[in-house]
Amino acid sequence: MRCLKSADAPIEYLTILGDDPFSSEMLAMWQAEGVGTELVTRRESTLPGLYAIRAHTAGERSFHYWRSKSPTRKLLADADAAALAASLAYFDLLPISTYYM
């Protein structure tokens, strides 16, 4: 996204965040990088999906995930599909990540 700062290529993030400090920090970092957050909503008493990578002394890594209750898992179920489709129709490119374990 940083490589597009000088281009006329606005970037928007679409997700649902919680009302916790992690969510607030994520939102602030995206805004500081110039990423649009008009399509980011917040849900009370939820946490975003998080994961941690632990590097072992031999160089191996292990991953730990906490995302089973992420509010984003319900993004399409909670959203008004017509309104969401209308807002996305203005974008030329929609990269989508849907990885669930």
PDB file of N, CA and C in Angstrom:
ATOM      1  N   MET A   1       0.819  -1.184   0.000  1.00  0.00           N
ATOM      2  CA  MET A   1       0.000   0.000   0.000  1.00  0.00           C
ATOM      3  C   MET A   1       0.864   1.250   0.000  1.00  0.00           C
ATOM      4  N   ARG A   2       1.995   1.170   0.659  1.00  0.00           N
ATOM      5  CA  ARG A   2       2.875   2.326   0.693  1.00  0.00           C
ATOM      6  C   ARG A   2       3.353   2.702  -0.700  1.00  0.00           C
ATOM      7  N   CYS A   3       3.536   1.715  -1.570  1.00  0.00           N
ATOM      8  CA  CYS A   3       4.027   2.004  -2.916  1.00  0.00           C
ATOM      9  C   CYS A   3       2.988   2.752  -3.745  1.00  0.00           C
ATOM     10  N   LEU A   4       1.741   2.792  -3.316  1.00  0.00           N
ATOM     11  CA  LEU A   4       0.688   3.485  -4.058  1.00  0.00           C
ATOM     12  C   LEU A   4       0.410   4.887  -3.534  1.00  0.00           C
ATOM     13  N   LYS A   5       1.146   5.328  -2.529  1.00  0.00           N
ATOM     14  CA  LYS A   5       0.849   6.637  -1.936  1.00  0.00           C
ATOM     15  C   LYS A   5       0.898   7.766  -2.947  1.00  0.00           C
ATOM     16  N   SER A   6       1.840   7.716  -3.891  1.00  0.00           N
ATOM     17  CA  SER A   6       1.953   8.800  -4.859  1.00  0.00           C
ATOM     18  C   SER A   6       0.993   8.629  -6.035  1.00  0.00           C
ATOM     19  N   ALA A   7       0.375   7.484  -6.164  1.00  0.00           N
ATOM     20  CA  ALA A   7      -0.569   7.231  -7.261  1.00  0.00           C
ATOM     21  C   ALA A   7      -1.973   7.621  -6.839  1.00  0.00           C
ATOM     22  N   ASP A   8      -2.811   7.758  -7.825  1.00  0.00           N
ATOM     23  CA  ASP A   8      -4.217   8.027  -7.536  1.00  0.00           C
ATOM     24  C   ASP A   8      -4.917   6.686  -7.348  1.00  0.00           C
ATOM     25  N   ALA A   9      -4.603   6.039  -6.233  1.00  0.00           N
ATOM     26  CA  ALA A   9      -5.128   4.699  -5.961  1.00  0.00           C
ATOM     27  C   ALA A   9      -5.554   4.620  -4.504  1.00  0.00           C
ATOM     28  N   PRO A  10      -6.731   5.152  -4.186  1.00  0.00           N
ATOM     29  CA  PRO A  10      -7.189   5.092  -2.796  1.00  0.00           C
ATOM     30  C   PRO A  10      -7.402   3.654  -2.337  1.00  0.00           C
ATOM     31  N   ILE A  11      -7.036   3.383  -1.110  1.00  0.00           N
ATOM     32  CA  ILE A  11      -7.160   2.056  -0.511  1.00  0.00           C
ATOM     33  C   ILE A  11      -8.156   2.150   0.640  1.00  0.00           C
ATOM     34  N   GLU A  12      -9.085   1.219   0.704  1.00  0.00           N
ATOM     35  CA  GLU A  12     -10.048   1.133   1.806  1.00  0.00           C
ATOM     36  C   GLU A  12      -9.929  -0.238   2.446  1.00  0.00           C
ATOM     37  N   TYR A  13     -10.116  -0.294   3.750  1.00  0.00           N
ATOM     38  CA  TYR A  13     -10.116  -1.560   4.476  1.00  0.00           C
ATOM     39  C   TYR A  13     -11.548  -1.850   4.904  1.00  0.00           C
ATOM     40  N   LEU A  14     -11.995  -3.059   4.667  1.00  0.00           N
ATOM     41  CA  LEU A  14     -13.343  -3.498   5.050  1.00  0.00           C
ATOM     42  C   LEU A  14     -13.211  -4.606   6.076  1.00  0.00           C
ATOM     43  N   THR A  15     -13.678  -4.362   7.274  1.00  0.00           N
ATOM     44  CA  THR A  15     -13.633  -5.367   8.335  1.00  0.00           C
ATOM     45  C   THR A  15     -14.530  -4.933   9.480  1.00  0.00           C
ATOM     46  N   ILE A  16     -14.636  -5.782  10.466  1.00  0.00           N
ATOM     47  CA  ILE A  16     -15.309  -5.440  11.728  1.00  0.00           C
ATOM     48  C   ILE A  16     -14.274  -5.608  12.829  1.00  0.00           C
ATOM     49  N   LEU A  17     -14.115  -4.596  13.635  1.00  0.00           N
ATOM     50  CA  LEU A  17     -13.200  -4.643  14.778  1.00  0.00           C
ATOM     51  C   LEU A  17     -13.991  -4.608  16.072  1.00  0.00           C
ATOM     52  N   GLY A  18     -13.300  -4.922  17.152  1.00  0.00           N
ATOM     53  CA  GLY A  18     -13.916  -4.831  18.471  1.00  0.00           C
ATOM     54  C   GLY A  18     -13.777  -3.422  19.032  1.00  0.00           C
ATOM     55  N   ASP A  19     -14.062  -3.298  20.318  1.00  0.00           N
ATOM     56  CA  ASP A  19     -13.927  -2.006  20.991  1.00  0.00           C
ATOM     57  C   ASP A  19     -12.760  -2.027  21.980  1.00  0.00           C
ATOM     58  N   ASP A  20     -11.791  -2.875  21.712  1.00  0.00           N
ATOM     59  CA  ASP A  20     -10.648  -3.092  22.591  1.00  0.00           C
ATOM     60  C   ASP A  20      -9.441  -2.276  22.132  1.00  0.00           C
ATOM     61  N   PRO A  21      -8.380  -2.208  22.951  1.00  0.00           N
ATOM     62  CA  PRO A  21      -7.180  -1.458  22.579  1.00  0.00           C
ATOM     63  C   PRO A  21      -6.501  -1.970  21.303  1.00  0.00           C
ATOM     64  N   PHE A  22      -6.483  -3.290  21.065  1.00  0.00           N
ATOM     65  CA  PHE A  22      -5.876  -3.818  19.841  1.00  0.00           C
ATOM     66  C   PHE A  22      -6.588  -3.251  18.610  1.00  0.00           C
ATOM     67  N   SER A  23      -7.909  -3.275  18.635  1.00  0.00           N
ATOM     68  CA  SER A  23      -8.689  -2.766  17.512  1.00  0.00           C
ATOM     69  C   SER A  23      -8.432  -1.284  17.288  1.00  0.00           C
ATOM     70  N   SER A  24      -8.377  -0.517  18.364  1.00  0.00           N
ATOM     71  CA  SER A  24      -8.118   0.924  18.247  1.00  0.00           C
ATOM     72  C   SER A  24      -6.738   1.190  17.659  1.00  0.00           C
ATOM     73  N   GLU A  25      -5.747   0.408  18.075  1.00  0.00           N
ATOM     74  CA  GLU A  25      -4.397   0.574  17.531  1.00  0.00           C
ATOM     75  C   GLU A  25      -4.336   0.201  16.057  1.00  0.00           C
ATOM     76  N   MET A  26      -5.017  -0.864  15.675  1.00  0.00           N
ATOM     77  CA  MET A  26      -5.051  -1.265  14.266  1.00  0.00           C
ATOM     78  C   MET A  26      -5.663  -0.147  13.422  1.00  0.00           C
ATOM     79  N   LEU A  27      -6.768   0.379  13.868  1.00  0.00           N
ATOM     80  CA  LEU A  27      -7.457   1.441  13.148  1.00  0.00           C
ATOM     81  C   LEU A  27      -6.563   2.677  13.018  1.00  0.00           C
ATOM     82  N   ALA A  28      -5.910   3.055  14.097  1.00  0.00           N
ATOM     83  CA  ALA A  28      -5.022   4.227  14.084  1.00  0.00           C
ATOM     84  C   ALA A  28      -3.841   4.019  13.128  1.00  0.00           C
ATOM     85  N   MET A  29      -3.276   2.816  13.099  1.00  0.00           N
ATOM     86  CA  MET A  29      -2.145   2.550  12.199  1.00  0.00           C
ATOM     87  C   MET A  29      -2.573   2.611  10.735  1.00  0.00           C
ATOM     88  N   TRP A  30      -3.727   2.047  10.414  1.00  0.00           N
ATOM     89  CA  TRP A  30      -4.204   2.103   9.036  1.00  0.00           C
ATOM     90  C   TRP A  30      -4.415   3.552   8.611  1.00  0.00           C
ATOM     91  N   GLN A  31      -5.037   4.342   9.496  1.00  0.00           N
ATOM     92  CA  GLN A  31      -5.289   5.743   9.175  1.00  0.00           C
ATOM     93  C   GLN A  31      -3.982   6.507   9.011  1.00  0.00           C
ATOM     94  N   ALA A  32      -2.994   6.226   9.852  1.00  0.00           N
ATOM     95  CA  ALA A  32      -1.689   6.886   9.750  1.00  0.00           C
ATOM     96  C   ALA A  32      -0.991   6.554   8.434  1.00  0.00           C
ATOM     97  N   GLU A  33      -1.263   5.379   7.894  1.00  0.00           N
ATOM     98  CA  GLU A  33      -0.676   4.960   6.616  1.00  0.00           C
ATOM     99  C   GLU A  33      -1.483   5.455   5.420  1.00  0.00           C
ATOM    100  N   GLY A  34      -2.578   6.145   5.683  1.00  0.00           N
ATOM    101  CA  GLY A  34      -3.395   6.670   4.600  1.00  0.00           C
ATOM    102  C   GLY A  34      -4.413   5.689   4.053  1.00  0.00           C
ATOM    103  N   VAL A  35      -4.663   4.621   4.782  1.00  0.00           N
ATOM    104  CA  VAL A  35      -5.659   3.638   4.366  1.00  0.00           C
ATOM    105  C   VAL A  35      -7.030   4.123   4.832  1.00  0.00           C
ATOM    106  N   GLY A  36      -7.984   4.114   3.930  1.00  0.00           N
ATOM    107  CA  GLY A  36      -9.329   4.534   4.285  1.00  0.00           C
ATOM    108  C   GLY A  36      -9.989   3.537   5.230  1.00  0.00           C
ATOM    109  N   THR A  37     -10.744   4.045   6.170  1.00  0.00           N
ATOM    110  CA  THR A  37     -11.395   3.179   7.154  1.00  0.00           C
ATOM    111  C   THR A  37     -12.901   3.434   7.247  1.00  0.00           C
ATOM    112  N   GLU A  38     -13.465   4.017   6.187  1.00  0.00           N
ATOM    113  CA  GLU A  38     -14.910   4.276   6.201  1.00  0.00           C
ATOM    114  C   GLU A  38     -15.729   2.991   6.248  1.00  0.00           C
ATOM    115  N   LEU A  39     -15.166   1.888   5.769  1.00  0.00           N
ATOM    116  CA  LEU A  39     -15.888   0.613   5.738  1.00  0.00           C
ATOM    117  C   LEU A  39     -15.555  -0.281   6.928  1.00  0.00           C
ATOM    118  N   VAL A  40     -14.838   0.273   7.896  1.00  0.00           N
ATOM    119  CA  VAL A  40     -14.518  -0.476   9.115  1.00  0.00           C
ATOM    120  C   VAL A  40     -15.581  -0.151  10.157  1.00  0.00           C
ATOM    121  N   THR A  41     -16.204  -1.186  10.688  1.00  0.00           N
ATOM    122  CA  THR A  41     -17.173  -0.990  11.760  1.00  0.00           C
ATOM    123  C   THR A  41     -16.617  -1.599  13.039  1.00  0.00           C
ATOM    124  N   ARG A  42     -17.206  -1.216  14.151  1.00  0.00           N
ATOM    125  CA  ARG A  42     -16.756  -1.716  15.460  1.00  0.00           C
ATOM    126  C   ARG A  42     -17.933  -2.380  16.150  1.00  0.00           C
ATOM    127  N   ARG A  43     -17.641  -3.429  16.908  1.00  0.00           N
ATOM    128  CA  ARG A  43     -18.665  -4.125  17.661  1.00  0.00           C
ATOM    129  C   ARG A  43     -18.239  -4.170  19.127  1.00  0.00           C
ATOM    130  N   GLU A  44     -19.155  -3.796  19.993  1.00  0.00           N
ATOM    131  CA  GLU A  44     -18.866  -3.797  21.432  1.00  0.00           C
ATOM    132  C   GLU A  44     -18.605  -5.211  21.942  1.00  0.00           C
ATOM    133  N   SER A  45     -17.728  -5.284  22.926  1.00  0.00           N
ATOM    134  CA  SER A  45     -17.428  -6.523  23.662  1.00  0.00           C
ATOM    135  C   SER A  45     -16.900  -7.645  22.776  1.00  0.00           C
ATOM    136  N   THR A  46     -16.161  -7.290  21.710  1.00  0.00           N
ATOM    137  CA  THR A  46     -15.522  -8.301  20.879  1.00  0.00           C
ATOM    138  C   THR A  46     -14.051  -7.951  20.694  1.00  0.00           C
ATOM    139  N   LEU A  47     -13.295  -8.929  20.261  1.00  0.00           N
ATOM    140  CA  LEU A  47     -11.872  -8.759  19.981  1.00  0.00           C
ATOM    141  C   LEU A  47     -11.612  -9.140  18.530  1.00  0.00           C
ATOM    142  N   PRO A  48     -10.621  -8.520  17.906  1.00  0.00           N
ATOM    143  CA  PRO A  48     -10.286  -8.947  16.546  1.00  0.00           C
ATOM    144  C   PRO A  48      -9.606 -10.307  16.578  1.00  0.00           C
ATOM    145  N   GLY A  49      -9.559 -10.961  15.437  1.00  0.00           N
ATOM    146  CA  GLY A  49      -8.802 -12.201  15.350  1.00  0.00           C
ATOM    147  C   GLY A  49      -7.320 -11.879  15.478  1.00  0.00           C
ATOM    148  N   LEU A  50      -6.649 -12.561  16.367  1.00  0.00           N
ATOM    149  CA  LEU A  50      -5.232 -12.299  16.610  1.00  0.00           C
ATOM    150  C   LEU A  50      -4.424 -13.581  16.449  1.00  0.00           C
ATOM    151  N   TYR A  51      -3.167 -13.419  16.107  1.00  0.00           N
ATOM    152  CA  TYR A  51      -2.265 -14.562  16.142  1.00  0.00           C
ATOM    153  C   TYR A  51      -0.883 -14.098  16.537  1.00  0.00           C
ATOM    154  N   ALA A  52      -0.126 -15.009  17.082  1.00  0.00           N
ATOM    155  CA  ALA A  52       1.244 -14.721  17.521  1.00  0.00           C
ATOM    156  C   ALA A  52       2.171 -15.753  16.905  1.00  0.00           C
ATOM    157  N   ILE A  53       3.364 -15.306  16.555  1.00  0.00           N
ATOM    158  CA  ILE A  53       4.388 -16.193  16.015  1.00  0.00           C
ATOM    159  C   ILE A  53       5.519 -16.249  17.041  1.00  0.00           C
ATOM    160  N   ARG A  54       5.853 -17.447  17.427  1.00  0.00           N
ATOM    161  CA  ARG A  54       6.936 -17.630  18.387  1.00  0.00           C
ATOM    162  C   ARG A  54       8.129 -18.239  17.651  1.00  0.00           C
ATOM    163  N   ALA A  55       9.260 -17.545  17.704  1.00  0.00           N
ATOM    164  CA  ALA A  55      10.481 -18.039  17.058  1.00  0.00           C
ATOM    165  C   ALA A  55      11.286 -18.824  18.080  1.00  0.00           C
ATOM    166  N   HIS A  56      11.619 -20.054  17.718  1.00  0.00           N
ATOM    167  CA  HIS A  56      12.399 -20.916  18.587  1.00  0.00           C
ATOM    168  C   HIS A  56      13.889 -20.707  18.307  1.00  0.00           C
ATOM    169  N   THR A  57      14.733 -21.125  19.225  1.00  0.00           N
ATOM    170  CA  THR A  57      16.174 -20.884  19.100  1.00  0.00           C
ATOM    171  C   THR A  57      16.776 -21.515  17.853  1.00  0.00           C
ATOM    172  N   ALA A  58      16.239 -22.625  17.382  1.00  0.00           N
ATOM    173  CA  ALA A  58      16.768 -23.292  16.188  1.00  0.00           C
ATOM    174  C   ALA A  58      16.219 -22.678  14.896  1.00  0.00           C
ATOM    175  N   GLY A  59      15.414 -21.619  15.013  1.00  0.00           N
ATOM    176  CA  GLY A  59      14.868 -20.957  13.840  1.00  0.00           C
ATOM    177  C   GLY A  59      13.479 -21.396  13.447  1.00  0.00           C
ATOM    178  N   GLU A  60      12.999 -22.465  14.046  1.00  0.00           N
ATOM    179  CA  GLU A  60      11.631 -22.907  13.753  1.00  0.00           C
ATOM    180  C   GLU A  60      10.645 -21.916  14.370  1.00  0.00           C
ATOM    181  N   ARG A  61       9.460 -21.877  13.809  1.00  0.00           N
ATOM    182  CA  ARG A  61       8.422 -20.993  14.324  1.00  0.00           C
ATOM    183  C   ARG A  61       7.167 -21.797  14.643  1.00  0.00           C
ATOM    184  N   SER A  62       6.441 -21.334  15.633  1.00  0.00           N
ATOM    185  CA  SER A  62       5.134 -21.914  15.924  1.00  0.00           C
ATOM    186  C   SER A  62       4.119 -20.768  15.943  1.00  0.00           C
ATOM    187  N   PHE A  63       2.913 -21.086  15.525  1.00  0.00           N
ATOM    188  CA  PHE A  63       1.867 -20.087  15.376  1.00  0.00           C
ATOM    189  C   PHE A  63       0.735 -20.384  16.352  1.00  0.00           C
ATOM    190  N   HIS A  64       0.184 -19.337  16.935  1.00  0.00           N
ATOM    191  CA  HIS A  64      -0.923 -19.460  17.877  1.00  0.00           C
ATOM    192  C   HIS A  64      -2.021 -18.492  17.428  1.00  0.00           C
ATOM    193  N   TYR A  65      -3.229 -19.015  17.297  1.00  0.00           N
ATOM    194  CA  TYR A  65      -4.336 -18.241  16.752  1.00  0.00           C
ATOM    195  C   TYR A  65      -5.448 -18.063  17.775  1.00  0.00           C
ATOM    196  N   TRP A  66      -6.041 -16.870  17.781  1.00  0.00           N
ATOM    197  CA  TRP A  66      -7.235 -16.570  18.567  1.00  0.00           C
ATOM    198  C   TRP A  66      -8.179 -15.819  17.640  1.00  0.00           C
ATOM    199  N   ARG A  67      -8.922 -16.546  16.848  1.00  0.00           N
ATOM    200  CA  ARG A  67      -9.801 -15.866  15.907  1.00  0.00           C
ATOM    201  C   ARG A  67     -11.161 -16.524  15.746  1.00  0.00           C
ATOM    202  N   SER A  68     -11.453 -17.517  16.542  1.00  0.00           N
ATOM    203  CA  SER A  68     -12.731 -18.212  16.380  1.00  0.00           C
ATOM    204  C   SER A  68     -13.935 -17.322  16.709  1.00  0.00           C
ATOM    205  N   LYS A  69     -13.726 -16.293  17.519  1.00  0.00           N
ATOM    206  CA  LYS A  69     -14.826 -15.395  17.877  1.00  0.00           C
ATOM    207  C   LYS A  69     -14.652 -14.005  17.277  1.00  0.00           C
ATOM    208  N   SER A  70     -13.803 -13.880  16.289  1.00  0.00           N
ATOM    209  CA  SER A  70     -13.567 -12.595  15.642  1.00  0.00           C
ATOM    210  C   SER A  70     -14.858 -12.063  15.030  1.00  0.00           C
ATOM    211  N   PRO A  71     -15.164 -10.777  15.231  1.00  0.00           N
ATOM    212  CA  PRO A  71     -16.397 -10.234  14.658  1.00  0.00           C
ATOM    213  C   PRO A  71     -16.399 -10.243  13.129  1.00  0.00           C
ATOM    214  N   THR A  72     -15.231 -10.273  12.510  1.00  0.00           N
ATOM    215  CA  THR A  72     -15.157 -10.287  11.052  1.00  0.00           C
ATOM    216  C   THR A  72     -15.726 -11.575  10.460  1.00  0.00           C
ATOM    217  N   ARG A  73     -15.734 -12.644  11.232  1.00  0.00           N
ATOM    218  CA  ARG A  73     -16.302 -13.909  10.741  1.00  0.00           C
ATOM    219  C   ARG A  73     -17.762 -13.745  10.342  1.00  0.00           C
ATOM    220  N   LYS A  74     -18.424 -12.730  10.877  1.00  0.00           N
ATOM    221  CA  LYS A  74     -19.840 -12.502  10.588  1.00  0.00           C
ATOM    222  C   LYS A  74     -20.053 -11.293   9.681  1.00  0.00           C
ATOM    223  N   LEU A  75     -18.990 -10.867   9.007  1.00  0.00           N
ATOM    224  CA  LEU A  75     -19.061  -9.660   8.187  1.00  0.00           C
ATOM    225  C   LEU A  75     -20.197  -9.717   7.178  1.00  0.00           C
ATOM    226  N   LEU A  76     -20.285 -10.764   6.408  1.00  0.00           N
ATOM    227  CA  LEU A  76     -21.317 -10.842   5.381  1.00  0.00           C
ATOM    228  C   LEU A  76     -22.682 -11.206   5.949  1.00  0.00           C
ATOM    229  N   ALA A  77     -22.710 -11.897   7.065  1.00  0.00           N
ATOM    230  CA  ALA A  77     -23.986 -12.259   7.677  1.00  0.00           C
ATOM    231  C   ALA A  77     -24.632 -11.057   8.356  1.00  0.00           C
ATOM    232  N   ASP A  78     -23.813 -10.182   8.925  1.00  0.00           N
ATOM    233  CA  ASP A  78     -24.333  -9.022   9.652  1.00  0.00           C
ATOM    234  C   ASP A  78     -24.618  -7.825   8.755  1.00  0.00           C
ATOM    235  N   ALA A  79     -23.923  -7.745   7.654  1.00  0.00           N
ATOM    236  CA  ALA A  79     -24.034  -6.569   6.797  1.00  0.00           C
ATOM    237  C   ALA A  79     -25.298  -6.629   5.950  1.00  0.00           C
ATOM    238  N   ASP A  80     -25.795  -5.469   5.617  1.00  0.00           N
ATOM    239  CA  ASP A  80     -26.867  -5.372   4.635  1.00  0.00           C
ATOM    240  C   ASP A  80     -26.211  -5.634   3.285  1.00  0.00           C
ATOM    241  N   ALA A  81     -26.467  -6.804   2.705  1.00  0.00           N
ATOM    242  CA  ALA A  81     -25.767  -7.236   1.489  1.00  0.00           C
ATOM    243  C   ALA A  81     -25.897  -6.227   0.351  1.00  0.00           C
ATOM    244  N   ALA A  82     -27.050  -5.640   0.178  1.00  0.00           N
ATOM    245  CA  ALA A  82     -27.247  -4.678  -0.910  1.00  0.00           C
ATOM    246  C   ALA A  82     -26.411  -3.423  -0.685  1.00  0.00           C
ATOM    247  N   ALA A  83     -26.390  -2.922   0.536  1.00  0.00           N
ATOM    248  CA  ALA A  83     -25.605  -1.723   0.844  1.00  0.00           C
ATOM    249  C   ALA A  83     -24.114  -2.006   0.715  1.00  0.00           C
ATOM    250  N   LEU A  84     -23.699  -3.185   1.164  1.00  0.00           N
ATOM    251  CA  LEU A  84     -22.287  -3.563   1.051  1.00  0.00           C
ATOM    252  C   LEU A  84     -21.894  -3.681  -0.416  1.00  0.00           C
ATOM    253  N   ALA A  85     -22.705  -4.339  -1.213  1.00  0.00           N
ATOM    254  CA  ALA A  85     -22.416  -4.484  -2.645  1.00  0.00           C
ATOM    255  C   ALA A  85     -22.355  -3.120  -3.321  1.00  0.00           C
ATOM    256  N   ALA A  86     -23.246  -2.227  -2.957  1.00  0.00           N
ATOM    257  CA  ALA A  86     -23.253  -0.892  -3.556  1.00  0.00           C
ATOM    258  C   ALA A  86     -21.977  -0.126  -3.212  1.00  0.00           C
ATOM    259  N   SER A  87     -21.495  -0.238  -1.991  1.00  0.00           N
ATOM    260  CA  SER A  87     -20.284   0.486  -1.603  1.00  0.00           C
ATOM    261  C   SER A  87     -19.048  -0.124  -2.261  1.00  0.00           C
ATOM    262  N   LEU A  88     -19.051  -1.430  -2.502  1.00  0.00           N
ATOM    263  CA  LEU A  88     -17.898  -2.086  -3.123  1.00  0.00           C
ATOM    264  C   LEU A  88     -17.875  -1.909  -4.641  1.00  0.00           C
ATOM    265  N   ALA A  89     -18.989  -1.543  -5.234  1.00  0.00           N
ATOM    266  CA  ALA A  89     -19.074  -1.401  -6.682  1.00  0.00           C
ATOM    267  C   ALA A  89     -18.175  -0.298  -7.226  1.00  0.00           C
ATOM    268  N   TYR A  90     -17.737   0.622  -6.380  1.00  0.00           N
ATOM    269  CA  TYR A  90     -16.903   1.738  -6.822  1.00  0.00           C
ATOM    270  C   TYR A  90     -15.420   1.386  -6.894  1.00  0.00           C
ATOM    271  N   PHE A  91     -15.038   0.202  -6.435  1.00  0.00           N
ATOM    272  CA  PHE A  91     -13.636  -0.182  -6.413  1.00  0.00           C
ATOM    273  C   PHE A  91     -13.262  -0.954  -7.674  1.00  0.00           C
ATOM    274  N   ASP A  92     -12.041  -0.726  -8.162  1.00  0.00           N
ATOM    275  CA  ASP A  92     -11.542  -1.439  -9.335  1.00  0.00           C
ATOM    276  C   ASP A  92     -10.970  -2.806  -8.975  1.00  0.00           C
ATOM    277  N   LEU A  93     -10.507  -2.950  -7.753  1.00  0.00           N
ATOM    278  CA  LEU A  93      -9.853  -4.181  -7.317  1.00  0.00           C
ATOM    279  C   LEU A  93     -10.292  -4.496  -5.898  1.00  0.00           C
ATOM    280  N   LEU A  94     -10.645  -5.758  -5.640  1.00  0.00           N
ATOM    281  CA  LEU A  94     -11.087  -6.187  -4.314  1.00  0.00           C
ATOM    282  C   LEU A  94     -10.300  -7.423  -3.878  1.00  0.00           C
ATOM    283  N   PRO A  95      -9.113  -7.237  -3.289  1.00  0.00           N
ATOM    284  CA  PRO A  95      -8.417  -8.401  -2.744  1.00  0.00           C
ATOM    285  C   PRO A  95      -9.190  -8.905  -1.524  1.00  0.00           C
ATOM    286  N   ILE A  96      -9.422 -10.196  -1.455  1.00  0.00           N
ATOM    287  CA  ILE A  96     -10.230 -10.757  -0.369  1.00  0.00           C
ATOM    288  C   ILE A  96      -9.448 -11.873   0.299  1.00  0.00           C
ATOM    289  N   SER A  97      -9.425 -11.847   1.619  1.00  0.00           N
ATOM    290  CA  SER A  97      -8.796 -12.894   2.394  1.00  0.00           C
ATOM    291  C   SER A  97      -9.874 -13.603   3.194  1.00  0.00           C
ATOM    292  N   THR A  98      -9.981 -14.896   3.023  1.00  0.00           N
ATOM    293  CA  THR A  98     -11.016 -15.667   3.715  1.00  0.00           C
ATOM    294  C   THR A  98     -10.444 -16.920   4.347  1.00  0.00           C
ATOM    295  N   TYR A  99      -9.305 -16.807   4.967  1.00  0.00           N
ATOM    296  CA  TYR A  99      -8.637 -17.985   5.523  1.00  0.00           C
ATOM    297  C   TYR A  99      -9.190 -18.274   6.910  1.00  0.00           C
ATOM    298  N   TYR A 100      -9.745 -19.472   7.085  1.00  0.00           N
ATOM    299  CA  TYR A 100     -10.247 -19.913   8.379  1.00  0.00           C
ATOM    300  C   TYR A 100      -9.618 -21.255   8.710  1.00  0.00           C
ATOM    301  N   MET A 101      -9.301 -21.474   9.965  1.00  0.00           N
ATOM    302  CA  MET A 101      -8.761 -22.758  10.400  1.00  0.00           C
ATOM    303  C   MET A 101      -9.814 -23.497  11.190  1.00  0.00           C
TER     304      MET A 101
END
